[in-house]
Amino acid sequence: MIPSAWKEFTLFRRAEFLSPRDLCQRALALSALFLLAHLAGWREYTSILNGTIGSVALGWNFSAFLGVIYICLYLGSVLLVPIFLLAAGLLTLWQAAGGRPNWTGAVKTRQIPLPGAS
């Protein structure tokens, strides 16, 4: 049984695909995975880039695997997390301004009359 405090915690509720909440959840998940990999010490396994292995005890293949995972998580946190957060912010502003996609994918926007146009 889930405690009532976790039921109230809405950050991890399922969100609509590519909504601002979904983008923030993806950014948070990617950051958390990178943090776990960094705290686990997988950074030393990135030495496969210069041809050495991070740990002799683990073997070359597993060291290379951990190094590639760490590099992918690092690049994801450096490249994707800011993009996700900027996209979430822009999407939130756009939706607050009145532009909302409908079920057909077309965009509904406000019609602003131009001065002098009849």
C-alpha atoms as a PDB file:
ATOM      1  CA  MET A   1       0.000   0.000   0.000  1.00  0.00           C
ATOM      2  CA  ILE A   2       1.330   3.408  -0.983  1.00  0.00           C
ATOM      3  CA  PRO A   3       1.396   5.981   1.823  1.00  0.00           C
ATOM      4  CA  SER A   4      -0.928   8.920   1.322  1.00  0.00           C
ATOM      5  CA  ALA A   5       1.995  11.361   1.098  1.00  0.00           C
ATOM      6  CA  TRP A   6       3.232   9.662  -2.087  1.00  0.00           C
ATOM      7  CA  LYS A   7      -0.262   9.748  -3.589  1.00  0.00           C
ATOM      8  CA  GLU A   8      -0.247  13.523  -3.176  1.00  0.00           C
ATOM      9  CA  PHE A   9       3.179  13.847  -4.830  1.00  0.00           C
ATOM     10  CA  THR A  10       2.147  14.761  -8.369  1.00  0.00           C
ATOM     11  CA  LEU A  11       5.574  15.204  -9.933  1.00  0.00           C
ATOM     12  CA  PHE A  12       5.743  11.611 -11.131  1.00  0.00           C
ATOM     13  CA  ARG A  13       2.170  11.218 -12.319  1.00  0.00           C
ATOM     14  CA  ARG A  14       1.714  10.170 -15.903  1.00  0.00           C
ATOM     15  CA  ALA A  15       1.694  13.165 -18.221  1.00  0.00           C
ATOM     16  CA  GLU A  16       0.548  13.655 -21.785  1.00  0.00           C
ATOM     17  CA  PHE A  17       3.318  12.929 -24.295  1.00  0.00           C
ATOM     18  CA  LEU A  18       5.521  15.992 -24.937  1.00  0.00           C
ATOM     19  CA  SER A  19       3.564  18.197 -22.560  1.00  0.00           C
ATOM     20  CA  PRO A  20       5.548  20.588 -20.359  1.00  0.00           C
ATOM     21  CA  ARG A  21       5.187  18.186 -17.415  1.00  0.00           C
ATOM     22  CA  ASP A  22       6.402  15.267 -19.553  1.00  0.00           C
ATOM     23  CA  LEU A  23       9.450  17.203 -20.727  1.00  0.00           C
ATOM     24  CA  CYS A  24      10.316  18.192 -17.146  1.00  0.00           C
ATOM     25  CA  GLN A  25       9.880  14.590 -15.984  1.00  0.00           C
ATOM     26  CA  ARG A  26      12.215  13.366 -18.721  1.00  0.00           C
ATOM     27  CA  ALA A  27      14.811  16.008 -17.819  1.00  0.00           C
ATOM     28  CA  LEU A  28      14.597  15.065 -14.146  1.00  0.00           C
ATOM     29  CA  ALA A  29      14.877  11.334 -14.875  1.00  0.00           C
ATOM     30  CA  LEU A  30      17.904  11.819 -17.124  1.00  0.00           C
ATOM     31  CA  SER A  31      19.577  14.031 -14.525  1.00  0.00           C
ATOM     32  CA  ALA A  32      18.877  11.488 -11.781  1.00  0.00           C
ATOM     33  CA  LEU A  33      20.344   8.646 -13.861  1.00  0.00           C
ATOM     34  CA  PHE A  34      23.473  10.680 -14.565  1.00  0.00           C
ATOM     35  CA  LEU A  35      23.799  11.552 -10.882  1.00  0.00           C
ATOM     36  CA  LEU A  36      23.556   7.875  -9.922  1.00  0.00           C
ATOM     37  CA  ALA A  37      26.154   6.894 -12.517  1.00  0.00           C
ATOM     38  CA  HIS A  38      28.472   9.665 -11.339  1.00  0.00           C
ATOM     39  CA  LEU A  39      28.088   8.719  -7.680  1.00  0.00           C
ATOM     40  CA  ALA A  40      28.716   5.076  -8.575  1.00  0.00           C
ATOM     41  CA  GLY A  41      32.117   6.114  -9.950  1.00  0.00           C
ATOM     42  CA  TRP A  42      31.541   5.230 -13.582  1.00  0.00           C
ATOM     43  CA  ARG A  43      33.497   8.300 -14.677  1.00  0.00           C
ATOM     44  CA  GLU A  44      36.762   6.398 -14.384  1.00  0.00           C
ATOM     45  CA  TYR A  45      35.546   3.961 -17.042  1.00  0.00           C
ATOM     46  CA  THR A  46      35.510   6.722 -19.670  1.00  0.00           C
ATOM     47  CA  SER A  47      39.236   6.106 -19.996  1.00  0.00           C
ATOM     48  CA  ILE A  48      38.296   3.708 -22.825  1.00  0.00           C
ATOM     49  CA  LEU A  49      38.375   6.802 -25.027  1.00  0.00           C
ATOM     50  CA  ASN A  50      42.161   6.870 -24.866  1.00  0.00           C
ATOM     51  CA  GLY A  51      42.619   3.097 -25.052  1.00  0.00           C
ATOM     52  CA  THR A  52      43.009   2.148 -21.387  1.00  0.00           C
ATOM     53  CA  ILE A  53      40.551   0.279 -19.200  1.00  0.00           C
ATOM     54  CA  GLY A  54      39.042   1.638 -16.007  1.00  0.00           C
ATOM     55  CA  SER A  55      39.272  -1.534 -13.969  1.00  0.00           C
ATOM     56  CA  VAL A  56      41.332  -4.648 -14.516  1.00  0.00           C
ATOM     57  CA  ALA A  57      39.086  -6.607 -12.153  1.00  0.00           C
ATOM     58  CA  LEU A  58      35.981  -6.014 -14.271  1.00  0.00           C
ATOM     59  CA  GLY A  59      37.582  -6.771 -17.606  1.00  0.00           C
ATOM     60  CA  TRP A  60      37.812  -4.781 -20.792  1.00  0.00           C
ATOM     61  CA  ASN A  61      34.300  -5.476 -22.123  1.00  0.00           C
ATOM     62  CA  PHE A  62      32.424  -4.521 -18.962  1.00  0.00           C
ATOM     63  CA  SER A  63      34.628  -1.457 -18.416  1.00  0.00           C
ATOM     64  CA  ALA A  64      33.902  -0.346 -21.962  1.00  0.00           C
ATOM     65  CA  PHE A  65      30.173  -0.913 -21.413  1.00  0.00           C
ATOM     66  CA  LEU A  66      30.129   1.208 -18.253  1.00  0.00           C
ATOM     67  CA  GLY A  67      32.190   3.903 -19.974  1.00  0.00           C
ATOM     68  CA  VAL A  68      29.804   4.100 -22.921  1.00  0.00           C
ATOM     69  CA  ILE A  69      26.791   4.252 -20.579  1.00  0.00           C
ATOM     70  CA  TYR A  70      28.404   7.079 -18.594  1.00  0.00           C
ATOM     71  CA  ILE A  71      29.296   9.018 -21.745  1.00  0.00           C
ATOM     72  CA  CYS A  72      25.735   8.661 -23.085  1.00  0.00           C
ATOM     73  CA  LEU A  73      24.261   9.817 -19.774  1.00  0.00           C
ATOM     74  CA  TYR A  74      26.705  12.731 -19.619  1.00  0.00           C
ATOM     75  CA  LEU A  75      25.920  13.883 -23.142  1.00  0.00           C
ATOM     76  CA  GLY A  76      22.215  13.449 -22.462  1.00  0.00           C
ATOM     77  CA  SER A  77      22.414  15.570 -19.343  1.00  0.00           C
ATOM     78  CA  VAL A  78      24.491  18.260 -21.051  1.00  0.00           C
ATOM     79  CA  LEU A  79      22.588  18.373 -24.340  1.00  0.00           C
ATOM     80  CA  LEU A  80      19.065  17.048 -23.796  1.00  0.00           C
ATOM     81  CA  VAL A  81      18.173  18.310 -20.310  1.00  0.00           C
ATOM     82  CA  PRO A  82      18.532  22.017 -21.208  1.00  0.00           C
ATOM     83  CA  ILE A  83      16.607  21.446 -24.441  1.00  0.00           C
ATOM     84  CA  PHE A  84      13.792  19.675 -22.575  1.00  0.00           C
ATOM     85  CA  LEU A  85      13.575  22.450 -19.979  1.00  0.00           C
ATOM     86  CA  LEU A  86      13.647  25.246 -22.555  1.00  0.00           C
ATOM     87  CA  ALA A  87      10.995  23.461 -24.621  1.00  0.00           C
ATOM     88  CA  ALA A  88       8.815  22.999 -21.544  1.00  0.00           C
ATOM     89  CA  GLY A  89       9.118  26.685 -20.685  1.00  0.00           C
ATOM     90  CA  LEU A  90       8.342  27.825 -24.232  1.00  0.00           C
ATOM     91  CA  LEU A  91       5.425  25.409 -24.503  1.00  0.00           C
ATOM     92  CA  THR A  92       4.027  26.654 -21.195  1.00  0.00           C
ATOM     93  CA  LEU A  93       4.274  30.274 -22.352  1.00  0.00           C
ATOM     94  CA  TRP A  94       2.704  29.420 -25.709  1.00  0.00           C
ATOM     95  CA  GLN A  95      -0.182  27.599 -24.084  1.00  0.00           C
ATOM     96  CA  ALA A  96      -0.708  30.466 -21.634  1.00  0.00           C
ATOM     97  CA  ALA A  97      -0.900  32.883 -24.577  1.00  0.00           C
ATOM     98  CA  GLY A  98      -3.801  30.929 -26.022  1.00  0.00           C
ATOM     99  CA  GLY A  99      -2.249  28.657 -28.627  1.00  0.00           C
ATOM    100  CA  ARG A 100      -3.367  25.111 -27.937  1.00  0.00           C
ATOM    101  CA  PRO A 101      -3.239  22.126 -30.273  1.00  0.00           C
ATOM    102  CA  ASN A 102      -6.548  20.388 -30.854  1.00  0.00           C
ATOM    103  CA  TRP A 103      -7.085  16.674 -31.432  1.00  0.00           C
ATOM    104  CA  THR A 104      -6.374  16.928 -35.178  1.00  0.00           C
ATOM    105  CA  GLY A 105      -2.964  18.452 -34.584  1.00  0.00           C
ATOM    106  CA  ALA A 106      -3.972  21.835 -35.993  1.00  0.00           C
ATOM    107  CA  VAL A 107      -3.131  24.852 -33.891  1.00  0.00           C
ATOM    108  CA  LYS A 108      -5.778  27.169 -32.491  1.00  0.00           C
ATOM    109  CA  THR A 109      -4.506  30.708 -32.043  1.00  0.00           C
ATOM    110  CA  ARG A 110      -6.149  34.000 -31.249  1.00  0.00           C
ATOM    111  CA  GLN A 111      -7.016  36.251 -34.166  1.00  0.00           C
ATOM    112  CA  ILE A 112      -5.637  39.727 -33.532  1.00  0.00           C
ATOM    113  CA  PRO A 113      -7.037  42.338 -35.912  1.00  0.00           C
ATOM    114  CA  LEU A 114      -4.447  44.545 -37.561  1.00  0.00           C
ATOM    115  CA  PRO A 115      -4.882  48.308 -37.191  1.00  0.00           C
ATOM    116  CA  GLY A 116      -6.353  49.847 -40.317  1.00  0.00           C
ATOM    117  CA  ALA A 117      -7.548  46.502 -41.716  1.00  0.00           C
ATOM    118  CA  SER A 118     -11.249  46.224 -42.428  1.00  0.00           C
END
